[in-house]
Amino acid sequence: MTNSSNYNFSTTVSHVTGALLHCLREFKGINQTDMAQKIEMSTSGLSKLEKGETNISIEQIFIFAQQFGLKSSEFMYLLESSIEVINQKSIFVANTKSKIVQIEKTNNVPVVMGVAALLGLATGSPLTALGMAAVSGILAQNSIDNKAQATATTELQLLTDIGTLKNIIQQSVIEKYKALISKS
């Protein structure tokens, strides 16, 4: 579990997913054009996924997992692990639909403003924990009056640079990826 009082930035699940795809593709030594051809996708579509500009679909998770020699659950494990590593670097991973991410200074709970964060993809996963933290933050925020709210929160800067995110997760992801494919 991460210490929510230390968040300095925020990013989105789609940006982390893009960084993960980029890491795995580069590790396999496949350029973007060749990968796009293998999965029957446009190069621009793959580029948008890797930049976190579009969300990955469930079908694409299966397709990418297969290309990397993984099960879809293993791909999701790598994604959840990536989110944990990013959280440890003081970056809160929010749902893509969130408009603003703030930290409530009263109890240091991440508050996701905008559409509620529904990140519970698997019971007990880090994504569930993030979703629960976001919901808890929204409930806590609702209990603060408007004047206190203005002084009790700090907006987090959105980190969208895939190169930075990739550098944060790369070592951990590659180690876990190697372990997964060696089991096969």
Protein backbone atom coordinates (compact mmCIF):
# COMPACT_ATOMS: atom_id res chain seq x y z
CA MET A 1 0.00 0.00 0.00
CA THR A 2 1.28 3.46 -0.81
CA ASN A 3 1.49 6.45 1.47
CA SER A 4 -1.03 8.88 0.00
CA SER A 5 0.49 11.85 1.83
CA ASN A 6 3.46 11.78 -0.51
CA TYR A 7 1.72 12.25 -3.88
CA ASN A 8 3.29 14.98 -5.97
CA PHE A 9 1.84 14.20 -9.40
CA SER A 10 -1.00 12.27 -10.97
CA THR A 11 -1.29 10.23 -14.14
CA THR A 12 -3.94 8.02 -15.69
CA VAL A 13 -4.40 4.30 -16.15
CA SER A 14 -4.24 4.81 -19.92
CA HIS A 15 -0.84 6.52 -19.62
CA VAL A 16 0.53 3.70 -17.46
CA THR A 17 -0.88 1.15 -19.93
CA GLY A 18 0.83 3.01 -22.77
CA ALA A 19 4.15 3.01 -20.93
CA LEU A 20 3.78 -0.73 -20.27
CA LEU A 21 3.05 -1.48 -23.94
CA HIS A 22 6.02 0.64 -24.98
CA CYS A 23 8.33 -1.17 -22.50
CA LEU A 24 7.27 -4.64 -23.61
CA ARG A 25 7.41 -3.81 -27.32
CA GLU A 26 10.91 -2.34 -27.03
CA PHE A 27 12.11 -5.25 -24.88
CA LYS A 28 10.93 -7.65 -27.58
CA GLY A 29 12.83 -5.56 -30.15
CA ILE A 30 9.76 -4.82 -32.26
CA ASN A 31 9.31 -1.40 -33.81
CA GLN A 32 5.94 0.30 -33.71
CA THR A 33 5.16 -0.25 -37.40
CA ASP A 34 5.88 -3.99 -37.23
CA MET A 35 3.84 -4.39 -34.04
CA ALA A 36 0.92 -2.51 -35.59
CA GLN A 37 1.03 -4.85 -38.61
CA LYS A 38 1.20 -7.96 -36.40
CA ILE A 39 -1.91 -6.96 -34.48
CA GLU A 40 -3.70 -5.56 -37.54
CA MET A 41 -3.88 -2.03 -36.17
CA SER A 42 -2.84 1.26 -37.69
CA THR A 43 0.52 2.62 -36.59
CA SER A 44 -1.21 5.84 -35.50
CA GLY A 45 -3.69 3.80 -33.42
CA LEU A 46 -0.84 1.98 -31.68
CA SER A 47 0.99 5.26 -31.18
CA LYS A 48 -2.10 6.76 -29.49
CA LEU A 49 -2.35 3.71 -27.20
CA GLU A 50 1.33 3.95 -26.26
CA LYS A 51 1.04 7.69 -25.58
CA GLY A 52 -1.98 7.10 -23.33
CA GLU A 53 -4.22 9.15 -25.63
CA THR A 54 -6.73 6.32 -26.00
CA ASN A 55 -7.90 3.56 -23.68
CA ILE A 56 -7.03 -0.05 -24.34
CA SER A 57 -9.98 -2.36 -24.94
CA ILE A 58 -10.43 -5.78 -23.40
CA GLU A 59 -9.98 -7.34 -26.83
CA GLN A 60 -6.71 -5.43 -27.29
CA ILE A 61 -5.48 -6.70 -23.92
CA PHE A 62 -5.90 -10.26 -25.18
CA ILE A 63 -4.20 -9.43 -28.50
CA PHE A 64 -1.22 -7.68 -26.90
CA ALA A 65 -0.85 -10.37 -24.25
CA GLN A 66 -0.68 -13.01 -26.98
CA GLN A 67 1.95 -11.01 -28.90
CA PHE A 68 4.08 -10.85 -25.77
CA GLY A 69 3.61 -14.55 -24.96
CA LEU A 70 1.39 -13.83 -21.96
CA LYS A 71 -2.08 -14.64 -20.70
CA SER A 72 -4.37 -11.64 -20.38
CA SER A 73 -4.24 -12.05 -16.59
CA GLU A 74 -0.45 -11.86 -16.73
CA PHE A 75 -0.66 -8.66 -18.77
CA MET A 76 -3.00 -7.22 -16.12
CA TYR A 77 -0.57 -8.35 -13.40
CA LEU A 78 2.17 -6.36 -15.14
CA LEU A 79 -0.16 -3.36 -15.39
CA GLU A 80 -1.06 -3.56 -11.69
CA SER A 81 2.62 -3.94 -10.81
CA SER A 82 3.40 -0.87 -12.93
CA ILE A 83 0.76 1.12 -11.07
CA GLU A 84 2.28 0.06 -7.73
CA VAL A 85 5.77 1.16 -8.84
CA ILE A 86 4.43 4.49 -10.06
CA ASN A 87 2.56 5.01 -6.78
CA GLN A 88 5.80 4.38 -4.90
CA LYS A 89 7.30 7.29 -6.85
CA SER A 90 4.66 9.68 -5.42
CA ILE A 91 2.45 9.61 -8.51
CA PHE A 92 -1.27 8.94 -8.00
CA VAL A 93 -2.80 6.86 -10.81
CA ALA A 94 -6.33 8.06 -11.52
CA ASN A 95 -9.07 6.89 -13.79
CA THR A 96 -8.95 8.43 -17.28
CA LYS A 97 -12.36 10.08 -16.83
CA SER A 98 -11.15 12.10 -13.84
CA LYS A 99 -10.91 15.80 -14.52
CA ILE A 100 -8.80 16.94 -11.57
CA VAL A 101 -6.92 14.99 -8.93
CA GLN A 102 -6.36 16.68 -5.60
CA ILE A 103 -4.94 15.64 -2.25
CA GLU A 104 -7.04 16.55 0.75
CA LYS A 105 -4.52 17.89 3.26
CA THR A 106 -6.72 17.16 6.30
CA ASN A 107 -6.33 13.39 6.06
CA ASN A 108 -4.04 13.02 2.98
CA VAL A 109 -6.61 11.09 0.94
CA PRO A 110 -6.53 11.33 -2.86
CA VAL A 111 -9.68 13.06 -4.06
CA VAL A 112 -10.70 12.46 -7.65
CA MET A 113 -12.89 15.27 -8.87
CA GLY A 114 -15.16 14.73 -11.89
CA VAL A 115 -16.43 11.25 -12.72
CA ALA A 116 -16.03 8.83 -9.81
CA ALA A 117 -13.06 6.49 -10.09
CA LEU A 118 -14.41 2.99 -10.67
CA LEU A 119 -11.13 1.13 -10.81
CA GLY A 120 -12.14 -2.09 -9.03
CA LEU A 121 -11.14 -4.51 -11.80
CA ALA A 122 -10.34 -7.35 -9.46
CA THR A 123 -11.16 -7.77 -5.78
CA GLY A 124 -8.15 -7.06 -3.62
CA SER A 125 -6.06 -5.66 -6.47
CA PRO A 126 -4.12 -2.38 -6.33
CA LEU A 127 -6.69 -1.01 -8.75
CA THR A 128 -9.46 -1.78 -6.28
CA ALA A 129 -7.47 -0.04 -3.57
CA LEU A 130 -7.10 3.03 -5.77
CA GLY A 131 -10.80 3.03 -6.54
CA MET A 132 -11.64 2.69 -2.87
CA ALA A 133 -9.25 5.52 -2.00
CA ALA A 134 -10.86 7.72 -4.62
CA VAL A 135 -14.38 6.96 -3.38
CA SER A 136 -13.27 7.52 0.22
CA GLY A 137 -11.70 10.79 -0.82
CA ILE A 138 -14.88 11.94 -2.52
CA LEU A 139 -16.92 11.07 0.58
CA ALA A 140 -14.42 12.86 2.81
CA GLN A 141 -14.39 15.85 0.50
CA ASN A 142 -18.17 16.10 0.60
CA SER A 143 -17.98 16.56 4.37
CA ILE A 144 -15.78 19.65 4.08
CA ASP A 145 -17.54 22.96 3.55
CA ASN A 146 -16.74 24.99 0.43
CA LYS A 147 -14.48 27.48 2.22
CA ALA A 148 -12.42 24.76 3.90
CA GLN A 149 -12.33 22.82 0.64
CA ALA A 150 -10.57 25.69 -1.12
CA THR A 151 -7.76 25.73 1.45
CA ALA A 152 -7.63 22.00 2.26
CA THR A 153 -6.69 20.64 -1.16
CA THR A 154 -3.81 20.91 -3.56
CA GLU A 155 -4.23 20.06 -7.22
CA LEU A 156 -1.77 17.50 -8.54
CA GLN A 157 0.04 18.17 -11.80
CA LEU A 158 -0.82 15.60 -14.49
CA LEU A 159 2.19 13.61 -15.68
CA THR A 160 1.62 12.41 -19.23
CA ASP A 161 5.19 11.93 -20.46
CA ILE A 162 5.36 8.26 -21.46
CA GLY A 163 9.16 8.33 -21.50
CA THR A 164 9.23 9.29 -17.83
CA LEU A 165 6.61 6.70 -16.89
CA LYS A 166 8.43 4.06 -18.94
CA ASN A 167 11.70 4.83 -17.18
CA ILE A 168 10.00 4.48 -13.80
CA ILE A 169 8.50 1.04 -14.52
CA GLN A 170 10.96 -0.46 -17.01
CA GLN A 171 13.31 -2.38 -14.70
CA SER A 172 10.53 -3.85 -12.58
CA VAL A 173 8.32 -4.71 -15.58
CA ILE A 174 11.11 -6.42 -17.50
CA GLU A 175 12.13 -8.51 -14.47
CA LYS A 176 8.54 -9.62 -13.90
CA TYR A 177 8.00 -10.21 -17.62
CA LYS A 178 11.10 -12.42 -17.84
CA ALA A 179 9.87 -14.43 -14.84
CA LEU A 180 6.44 -14.89 -16.43
CA ILE A 181 7.74 -16.05 -19.83
CA SER A 182 10.32 -18.37 -18.27
CA LYS A 183 7.46 -20.30 -16.62
CA SER A 184 5.97 -21.07 -20.02
